[in-house]
Amino acid sequence: MEEPEAAVRAVGWARTLPLSSSIAAGRAWTRRHLGELGWTEHAAETADDVLVTVSELLTNAHRHAHSAANLVLTWDGSCLYVSVHDDSPRLPRPREAGPDATSGRGMALVDALADDWNARADGHGKTVTACFHRPGRPPH
């Protein structure tokens, strides 16, 4: 007898962070929701990776796009999607920064920390999304 498929139940949270807001406010908001998922207690390393990614994506939106950032977290039971939308259609890409550079490592960090990431432009800017699989469970 076949077992019935479990229903997928997604949860999500969204917040707009204007240019006047701090990156720390975005991290604190994200940390609170990671706590609701149990990640800060049971998957602290992955939670830290998510928080670094949020910092980098918000910094890029504020510094490079000169835009408010719309931060959305979506958990679908397998992957936590961290999405940041800004007003610039220019897509980010990892680049090599010299040893003395004080910037230029953000997307390389996201690439190293996230299980996957992508960026897509639309008629109103772009959205960069990073995926973090559930800790302790292999990705599909």
N, C-alpha and C. Protein backbone atom coordinates (compact mmCIF):
# COMPACT_ATOMS: atom_id res chain seq x y z
N MET A 1 0.84 -1.18 0.00
CA MET A 1 0.00 0.00 0.00
C MET A 1 0.89 1.24 0.00
N GLU A 2 0.55 2.20 -0.86
CA GLU A 2 1.31 3.42 -0.97
C GLU A 2 0.92 4.40 0.11
N GLU A 3 1.94 5.07 0.67
CA GLU A 3 1.64 6.10 1.65
C GLU A 3 1.21 7.37 0.94
N PRO A 4 0.25 8.09 1.48
CA PRO A 4 -0.15 9.35 0.84
C PRO A 4 0.98 10.36 0.95
N GLU A 5 1.09 11.22 -0.09
CA GLU A 5 2.10 12.26 -0.07
C GLU A 5 1.74 13.28 0.99
N ALA A 6 2.76 13.72 1.70
CA ALA A 6 2.55 14.76 2.69
C ALA A 6 2.30 16.08 1.96
N ALA A 7 1.38 16.83 2.46
CA ALA A 7 1.09 18.13 1.87
C ALA A 7 2.24 19.09 2.15
N VAL A 8 2.59 19.87 1.16
CA VAL A 8 3.63 20.87 1.33
C VAL A 8 2.99 22.09 1.97
N ARG A 9 3.56 22.52 3.05
CA ARG A 9 3.07 23.69 3.75
C ARG A 9 4.18 24.71 3.79
N ALA A 10 4.02 25.78 3.08
CA ALA A 10 5.04 26.81 3.04
C ALA A 10 4.66 27.93 4.01
N VAL A 11 5.67 28.53 4.61
CA VAL A 11 5.48 29.70 5.45
C VAL A 11 6.43 30.77 4.94
N GLY A 12 6.07 32.00 5.15
CA GLY A 12 6.93 33.06 4.68
C GLY A 12 6.72 34.35 5.45
N TRP A 13 7.71 35.20 5.35
CA TRP A 13 7.70 36.49 6.00
C TRP A 13 8.28 37.51 5.03
N ALA A 14 7.82 38.75 5.10
CA ALA A 14 8.34 39.80 4.22
C ALA A 14 8.51 41.10 5.00
N ARG A 15 9.53 41.85 4.61
CA ARG A 15 9.79 43.13 5.25
C ARG A 15 10.48 44.05 4.25
N THR A 16 10.08 45.30 4.23
CA THR A 16 10.76 46.31 3.43
C THR A 16 11.72 47.06 4.33
N LEU A 17 12.96 47.20 3.87
CA LEU A 17 13.98 47.94 4.62
C LEU A 17 14.40 49.15 3.78
N PRO A 18 13.92 50.36 4.14
CA PRO A 18 14.30 51.54 3.38
C PRO A 18 15.80 51.82 3.51
N LEU A 19 16.29 52.71 2.66
CA LEU A 19 17.71 53.07 2.71
C LEU A 19 18.13 53.54 4.09
N SER A 20 17.22 54.16 4.81
CA SER A 20 17.55 54.70 6.14
C SER A 20 17.65 53.61 7.21
N SER A 21 17.25 52.39 6.90
CA SER A 21 17.31 51.32 7.89
C SER A 21 18.70 50.70 7.92
N SER A 22 18.99 50.05 9.01
CA SER A 22 20.31 49.42 9.15
C SER A 22 20.26 47.97 8.69
N ILE A 23 21.42 47.49 8.27
CA ILE A 23 21.54 46.08 7.91
C ILE A 23 21.31 45.22 9.15
N ALA A 24 21.73 45.72 10.31
CA ALA A 24 21.53 44.99 11.56
C ALA A 24 20.04 44.76 11.84
N ALA A 25 19.19 45.69 11.45
CA ALA A 25 17.74 45.51 11.64
C ALA A 25 17.24 44.34 10.79
N GLY A 26 17.75 44.21 9.59
CA GLY A 26 17.38 43.09 8.72
C GLY A 26 17.86 41.76 9.28
N ARG A 27 19.08 41.76 9.83
CA ARG A 27 19.61 40.53 10.45
C ARG A 27 18.79 40.14 11.67
N ALA A 28 18.45 41.11 12.51
CA ALA A 28 17.68 40.81 13.73
C ALA A 28 16.31 40.26 13.37
N TRP A 29 15.67 40.85 12.36
CA TRP A 29 14.36 40.37 11.91
C TRP A 29 14.48 38.94 11.39
N THR A 30 15.53 38.68 10.62
CA THR A 30 15.75 37.34 10.07
C THR A 30 16.04 36.34 11.19
N ARG A 31 16.88 36.73 12.15
CA ARG A 31 17.21 35.84 13.27
C ARG A 31 15.95 35.43 14.03
N ARG A 32 15.03 36.36 14.21
CA ARG A 32 13.78 36.05 14.91
C ARG A 32 13.00 34.95 14.17
N HIS A 33 12.94 35.05 12.85
CA HIS A 33 12.20 34.04 12.08
C HIS A 33 12.96 32.72 11.98
N LEU A 34 14.28 32.77 11.96
CA LEU A 34 15.06 31.53 12.01
C LEU A 34 14.81 30.82 13.34
N GLY A 35 14.64 31.58 14.40
CA GLY A 35 14.30 31.01 15.70
C GLY A 35 12.95 30.32 15.68
N GLU A 36 11.98 30.91 14.97
CA GLU A 36 10.66 30.28 14.85
C GLU A 36 10.75 28.93 14.13
N LEU A 37 11.72 28.81 13.21
CA LEU A 37 11.92 27.54 12.51
C LEU A 37 12.79 26.56 13.30
N GLY A 38 13.36 27.02 14.41
CA GLY A 38 14.24 26.18 15.22
C GLY A 38 15.68 26.13 14.73
N TRP A 39 16.01 26.93 13.74
CA TRP A 39 17.35 26.87 13.16
C TRP A 39 18.41 27.49 14.08
N THR A 40 18.07 28.53 14.82
CA THR A 40 19.08 29.14 15.69
C THR A 40 19.51 28.20 16.80
N GLU A 41 18.60 27.32 17.21
CA GLU A 41 18.92 26.36 18.26
C GLU A 41 19.52 25.06 17.72
N HIS A 42 18.94 24.53 16.64
CA HIS A 42 19.32 23.21 16.15
C HIS A 42 20.23 23.22 14.92
N ALA A 43 20.42 24.38 14.34
CA ALA A 43 21.26 24.48 13.13
C ALA A 43 21.95 25.84 13.12
N ALA A 44 22.68 26.10 14.19
CA ALA A 44 23.28 27.43 14.37
C ALA A 44 24.22 27.81 13.22
N GLU A 45 24.97 26.85 12.70
CA GLU A 45 25.90 27.16 11.62
C GLU A 45 25.15 27.60 10.36
N THR A 46 24.10 26.90 10.02
CA THR A 46 23.30 27.27 8.86
C THR A 46 22.61 28.61 9.10
N ALA A 47 22.12 28.82 10.30
CA ALA A 47 21.50 30.11 10.63
C ALA A 47 22.51 31.24 10.45
N ASP A 48 23.74 31.04 10.88
CA ASP A 48 24.79 32.05 10.68
C ASP A 48 25.02 32.31 9.20
N ASP A 49 25.03 31.26 8.38
CA ASP A 49 25.21 31.42 6.93
C ASP A 49 24.06 32.24 6.34
N VAL A 50 22.85 32.00 6.80
CA VAL A 50 21.69 32.77 6.33
C VAL A 50 21.86 34.23 6.71
N LEU A 51 22.29 34.50 7.94
CA LEU A 51 22.44 35.88 8.40
C LEU A 51 23.53 36.62 7.64
N VAL A 52 24.63 35.96 7.31
CA VAL A 52 25.67 36.60 6.50
C VAL A 52 25.11 36.91 5.11
N THR A 53 24.36 35.98 4.55
CA THR A 53 23.76 36.18 3.23
C THR A 53 22.79 37.36 3.24
N VAL A 54 21.95 37.44 4.26
CA VAL A 54 21.02 38.57 4.39
C VAL A 54 21.82 39.87 4.44
N SER A 55 22.88 39.91 5.22
CA SER A 55 23.71 41.11 5.32
C SER A 55 24.25 41.52 3.96
N GLU A 56 24.78 40.55 3.23
CA GLU A 56 25.38 40.85 1.92
C GLU A 56 24.34 41.32 0.92
N LEU A 57 23.19 40.66 0.86
CA LEU A 57 22.17 41.03 -0.11
C LEU A 57 21.56 42.40 0.21
N LEU A 58 21.33 42.68 1.49
CA LEU A 58 20.81 44.00 1.87
C LEU A 58 21.83 45.10 1.59
N THR A 59 23.09 44.81 1.89
CA THR A 59 24.15 45.79 1.61
C THR A 59 24.21 46.10 0.12
N ASN A 60 24.13 45.07 -0.71
CA ASN A 60 24.15 45.28 -2.16
C ASN A 60 22.97 46.15 -2.60
N ALA A 61 21.79 45.88 -2.07
CA ALA A 61 20.62 46.67 -2.45
C ALA A 61 20.80 48.13 -2.06
N HIS A 62 21.26 48.38 -0.85
CA HIS A 62 21.40 49.75 -0.38
C HIS A 62 22.59 50.46 -1.04
N ARG A 63 23.73 49.80 -1.09
CA ARG A 63 24.95 50.45 -1.57
C ARG A 63 25.02 50.54 -3.09
N HIS A 64 24.71 49.45 -3.78
CA HIS A 64 24.90 49.43 -5.23
C HIS A 64 23.66 49.84 -6.01
N ALA A 65 22.48 49.47 -5.51
CA ALA A 65 21.25 49.83 -6.21
C ALA A 65 20.69 51.16 -5.69
N HIS A 66 21.22 51.64 -4.56
CA HIS A 66 20.72 52.89 -3.94
C HIS A 66 19.20 52.81 -3.79
N SER A 67 18.76 51.70 -3.23
CA SER A 67 17.35 51.35 -3.21
C SER A 67 16.94 50.78 -1.86
N ALA A 68 15.65 50.92 -1.57
CA ALA A 68 15.08 50.15 -0.47
C ALA A 68 15.22 48.67 -0.84
N ALA A 69 15.19 47.83 0.15
CA ALA A 69 15.31 46.39 -0.08
C ALA A 69 14.07 45.70 0.45
N ASN A 70 13.47 44.88 -0.37
CA ASN A 70 12.35 44.04 0.06
C ASN A 70 12.92 42.66 0.36
N LEU A 71 12.89 42.30 1.63
CA LEU A 71 13.44 41.02 2.10
C LEU A 71 12.30 40.05 2.35
N VAL A 72 12.38 38.89 1.71
CA VAL A 72 11.35 37.86 1.86
C VAL A 72 12.03 36.55 2.23
N LEU A 73 11.53 35.90 3.27
CA LEU A 73 11.98 34.56 3.68
C LEU A 73 10.82 33.61 3.43
N THR A 74 11.09 32.52 2.73
CA THR A 74 10.06 31.52 2.45
C THR A 74 10.62 30.13 2.76
N TRP A 75 9.93 29.39 3.61
CA TRP A 75 10.32 28.03 3.98
C TRP A 75 9.28 27.09 3.42
N ASP A 76 9.71 26.16 2.54
CA ASP A 76 8.76 25.22 1.93
C ASP A 76 8.91 23.80 2.47
N GLY A 77 9.63 23.62 3.56
CA GLY A 77 9.82 22.30 4.14
C GLY A 77 11.10 21.64 3.68
N SER A 78 11.71 22.15 2.65
CA SER A 78 12.95 21.61 2.14
C SER A 78 14.03 22.68 2.01
N CYS A 79 13.61 23.88 1.64
CA CYS A 79 14.56 24.95 1.39
C CYS A 79 14.04 26.25 1.99
N LEU A 80 14.93 26.99 2.62
CA LEU A 80 14.62 28.34 3.05
C LEU A 80 15.13 29.27 1.95
N TYR A 81 14.20 29.97 1.32
CA TYR A 81 14.55 30.92 0.27
C TYR A 81 14.69 32.30 0.89
N VAL A 82 15.83 32.92 0.68
CA VAL A 82 16.10 34.27 1.15
C VAL A 82 16.14 35.13 -0.11
N SER A 83 15.16 36.01 -0.27
CA SER A 83 15.08 36.84 -1.48
C SER A 83 15.14 38.30 -1.11
N VAL A 84 15.93 39.04 -1.87
CA VAL A 84 16.01 40.49 -1.71
C VAL A 84 15.76 41.12 -3.08
N HIS A 85 14.78 42.00 -3.11
CA HIS A 85 14.46 42.74 -4.34
C HIS A 85 14.89 44.19 -4.16
N ASP A 86 15.49 44.76 -5.21
CA ASP A 86 15.83 46.18 -5.22
C ASP A 86 15.45 46.78 -6.56
N ASP A 87 15.67 48.08 -6.72
CA ASP A 87 15.21 48.80 -7.91
C ASP A 87 16.15 48.76 -9.10
N SER A 88 17.32 48.15 -8.98
CA SER A 88 18.27 48.12 -10.08
C SER A 88 18.13 46.83 -10.89
N PRO A 89 18.08 46.93 -12.23
CA PRO A 89 18.00 45.72 -13.04
C PRO A 89 19.37 45.05 -13.24
N ARG A 90 20.44 45.69 -12.76
CA ARG A 90 21.80 45.16 -12.95
C ARG A 90 21.99 43.92 -12.06
N LEU A 91 22.28 42.77 -12.69
CA LEU A 91 22.41 41.52 -11.97
C LEU A 91 23.79 41.41 -11.31
N PRO A 92 23.84 40.90 -10.09
CA PRO A 92 25.13 40.72 -9.41
C PRO A 92 25.83 39.47 -9.93
N ARG A 93 27.12 39.42 -9.67
CA ARG A 93 27.90 38.23 -10.01
C ARG A 93 29.08 38.17 -9.05
N PRO A 94 29.48 36.95 -8.70
CA PRO A 94 30.68 36.83 -7.86
C PRO A 94 31.88 37.35 -8.63
N ARG A 95 32.78 38.01 -7.94
CA ARG A 95 34.01 38.49 -8.57
C ARG A 95 35.16 38.29 -7.59
N GLU A 96 36.34 38.32 -8.14
CA GLU A 96 37.52 38.18 -7.29
C GLU A 96 37.94 39.55 -6.79
N ALA A 97 38.12 39.66 -5.51
CA ALA A 97 38.60 40.90 -4.91
C ALA A 97 40.03 40.67 -4.47
N GLY A 98 40.86 41.67 -4.68
CA GLY A 98 42.26 41.57 -4.26
C GLY A 98 42.38 41.47 -2.75
N PRO A 99 43.53 41.05 -2.27
CA PRO A 99 43.72 40.87 -0.83
C PRO A 99 43.57 42.16 -0.02
N ASP A 100 43.80 43.31 -0.64
CA ASP A 100 43.68 44.58 0.06
C ASP A 100 42.34 45.27 -0.16
N ALA A 101 41.48 44.67 -0.97
CA ALA A 101 40.19 45.28 -1.27
C ALA A 101 39.30 45.29 -0.02
N THR A 102 38.56 46.38 0.14
CA THR A 102 37.65 46.50 1.29
C THR A 102 36.22 46.15 0.92
N SER A 103 35.99 45.80 -0.33
CA SER A 103 34.66 45.38 -0.76
C SER A 103 34.82 44.45 -1.96
N GLY A 104 33.69 43.94 -2.46
CA GLY A 104 33.73 43.11 -3.65
C GLY A 104 33.65 41.63 -3.40
N ARG A 105 33.41 41.22 -2.16
CA ARG A 105 33.36 39.79 -1.84
C ARG A 105 31.96 39.28 -1.55
N GLY A 106 30.96 40.15 -1.57
CA GLY A 106 29.61 39.80 -1.13
C GLY A 106 29.00 38.62 -1.86
N MET A 107 28.96 38.67 -3.18
CA MET A 107 28.32 37.58 -3.93
C MET A 107 29.18 36.32 -3.91
N ALA A 108 30.50 36.46 -3.78
CA ALA A 108 31.34 35.28 -3.61
C ALA A 108 31.01 34.59 -2.29
N LEU A 109 30.73 35.37 -1.25
CA LEU A 109 30.32 34.79 0.04
C LEU A 109 28.97 34.08 -0.10
N VAL A 110 28.01 34.74 -0.75
CA VAL A 110 26.70 34.13 -0.95
C VAL A 110 26.86 32.82 -1.72
N ASP A 111 27.69 32.84 -2.76
CA ASP A 111 27.93 31.64 -3.56
C ASP A 111 28.52 30.51 -2.72
N ALA A 112 29.40 30.86 -1.79
CA ALA A 112 30.04 29.86 -0.94
C ALA A 112 29.12 29.33 0.16
N LEU A 113 28.23 30.17 0.68
CA LEU A 113 27.42 29.79 1.84
C LEU A 113 26.08 29.14 1.47
N ALA A 114 25.45 29.60 0.42
CA ALA A 114 24.12 29.09 0.05
C ALA A 114 24.25 27.78 -0.71
N ASP A 115 23.21 26.96 -0.62
CA ASP A 115 23.18 25.72 -1.41
C ASP A 115 23.00 26.04 -2.89
N ASP A 116 22.32 27.13 -3.16
CA ASP A 116 22.10 27.58 -4.53
C ASP A 116 21.68 29.04 -4.46
N TRP A 117 21.86 29.77 -5.55
CA TRP A 117 21.34 31.13 -5.62
C TRP A 117 21.13 31.50 -7.07
N ASN A 118 20.27 32.48 -7.28
CA ASN A 118 20.04 33.00 -8.62
C ASN A 118 19.62 34.45 -8.53
N ALA A 119 19.68 35.11 -9.65
CA ALA A 119 19.24 36.50 -9.74
C ALA A 119 18.44 36.65 -11.03
N ARG A 120 17.37 37.44 -10.95
CA ARG A 120 16.58 37.67 -12.16
C ARG A 120 16.10 39.11 -12.16
N ALA A 121 16.21 39.71 -13.32
CA ALA A 121 15.71 41.07 -13.50
C ALA A 121 14.24 41.00 -13.90
N ASP A 122 13.51 42.02 -13.53
CA ASP A 122 12.13 42.14 -13.97
C ASP A 122 11.90 43.61 -14.34
N GLY A 123 10.70 43.98 -14.62
CA GLY A 123 10.40 45.35 -15.03
C GLY A 123 10.58 46.38 -13.94
N HIS A 124 10.82 45.94 -12.72
CA HIS A 124 10.92 46.85 -11.58
C HIS A 124 12.22 46.69 -10.81
N GLY A 125 13.24 46.13 -11.41
CA GLY A 125 14.51 45.92 -10.72
C GLY A 125 14.96 44.48 -10.82
N LYS A 126 15.43 43.95 -9.72
CA LYS A 126 15.89 42.56 -9.72
C LYS A 126 15.61 41.93 -8.37
N THR A 127 15.59 40.60 -8.37
CA THR A 127 15.48 39.83 -7.14
C THR A 127 16.62 38.82 -7.12
N VAL A 128 17.34 38.79 -6.01
CA VAL A 128 18.39 37.81 -5.78
C VAL A 128 17.86 36.86 -4.72
N THR A 129 17.89 35.57 -5.02
CA THR A 129 17.36 34.55 -4.11
C THR A 129 18.43 33.51 -3.82
N ALA A 130 18.64 33.24 -2.54
CA ALA A 130 19.55 32.18 -2.10
C ALA A 130 18.73 31.11 -1.42
N CYS A 131 19.12 29.86 -1.61
CA CYS A 131 18.41 28.72 -1.04
C CYS A 131 19.31 28.02 -0.02
N PHE A 132 18.74 27.72 1.13
CA PHE A 132 19.43 26.96 2.18
C PHE A 132 18.58 25.75 2.50
N HIS A 133 19.11 24.56 2.27
CA HIS A 133 18.36 23.32 2.57
C HIS A 133 18.30 23.10 4.06
N ARG A 134 17.27 22.34 4.41
CA ARG A 134 17.04 22.04 5.82
C ARG A 134 18.29 21.37 6.40
N PRO A 135 18.78 21.86 7.51
CA PRO A 135 19.97 21.26 8.13
C PRO A 135 19.74 19.80 8.48
N GLY A 136 20.77 18.99 8.23
CA GLY A 136 20.73 17.58 8.58
C GLY A 136 19.97 16.72 7.60
N ARG A 137 19.53 17.29 6.52
CA ARG A 137 18.78 16.53 5.52
C ARG A 137 19.36 16.83 4.14
N PRO A 138 19.68 15.81 3.38
CA PRO A 138 20.26 16.06 2.05
C PRO A 138 19.26 16.75 1.14
N PRO A 139 19.75 17.62 0.23
CA PRO A 139 18.85 18.28 -0.70
C PRO A 139 18.23 17.29 -1.68
N HIS A 140 17.09 17.64 -2.24
CA HIS A 140 16.42 16.80 -3.23
C HIS A 140 17.17 16.81 -4.53
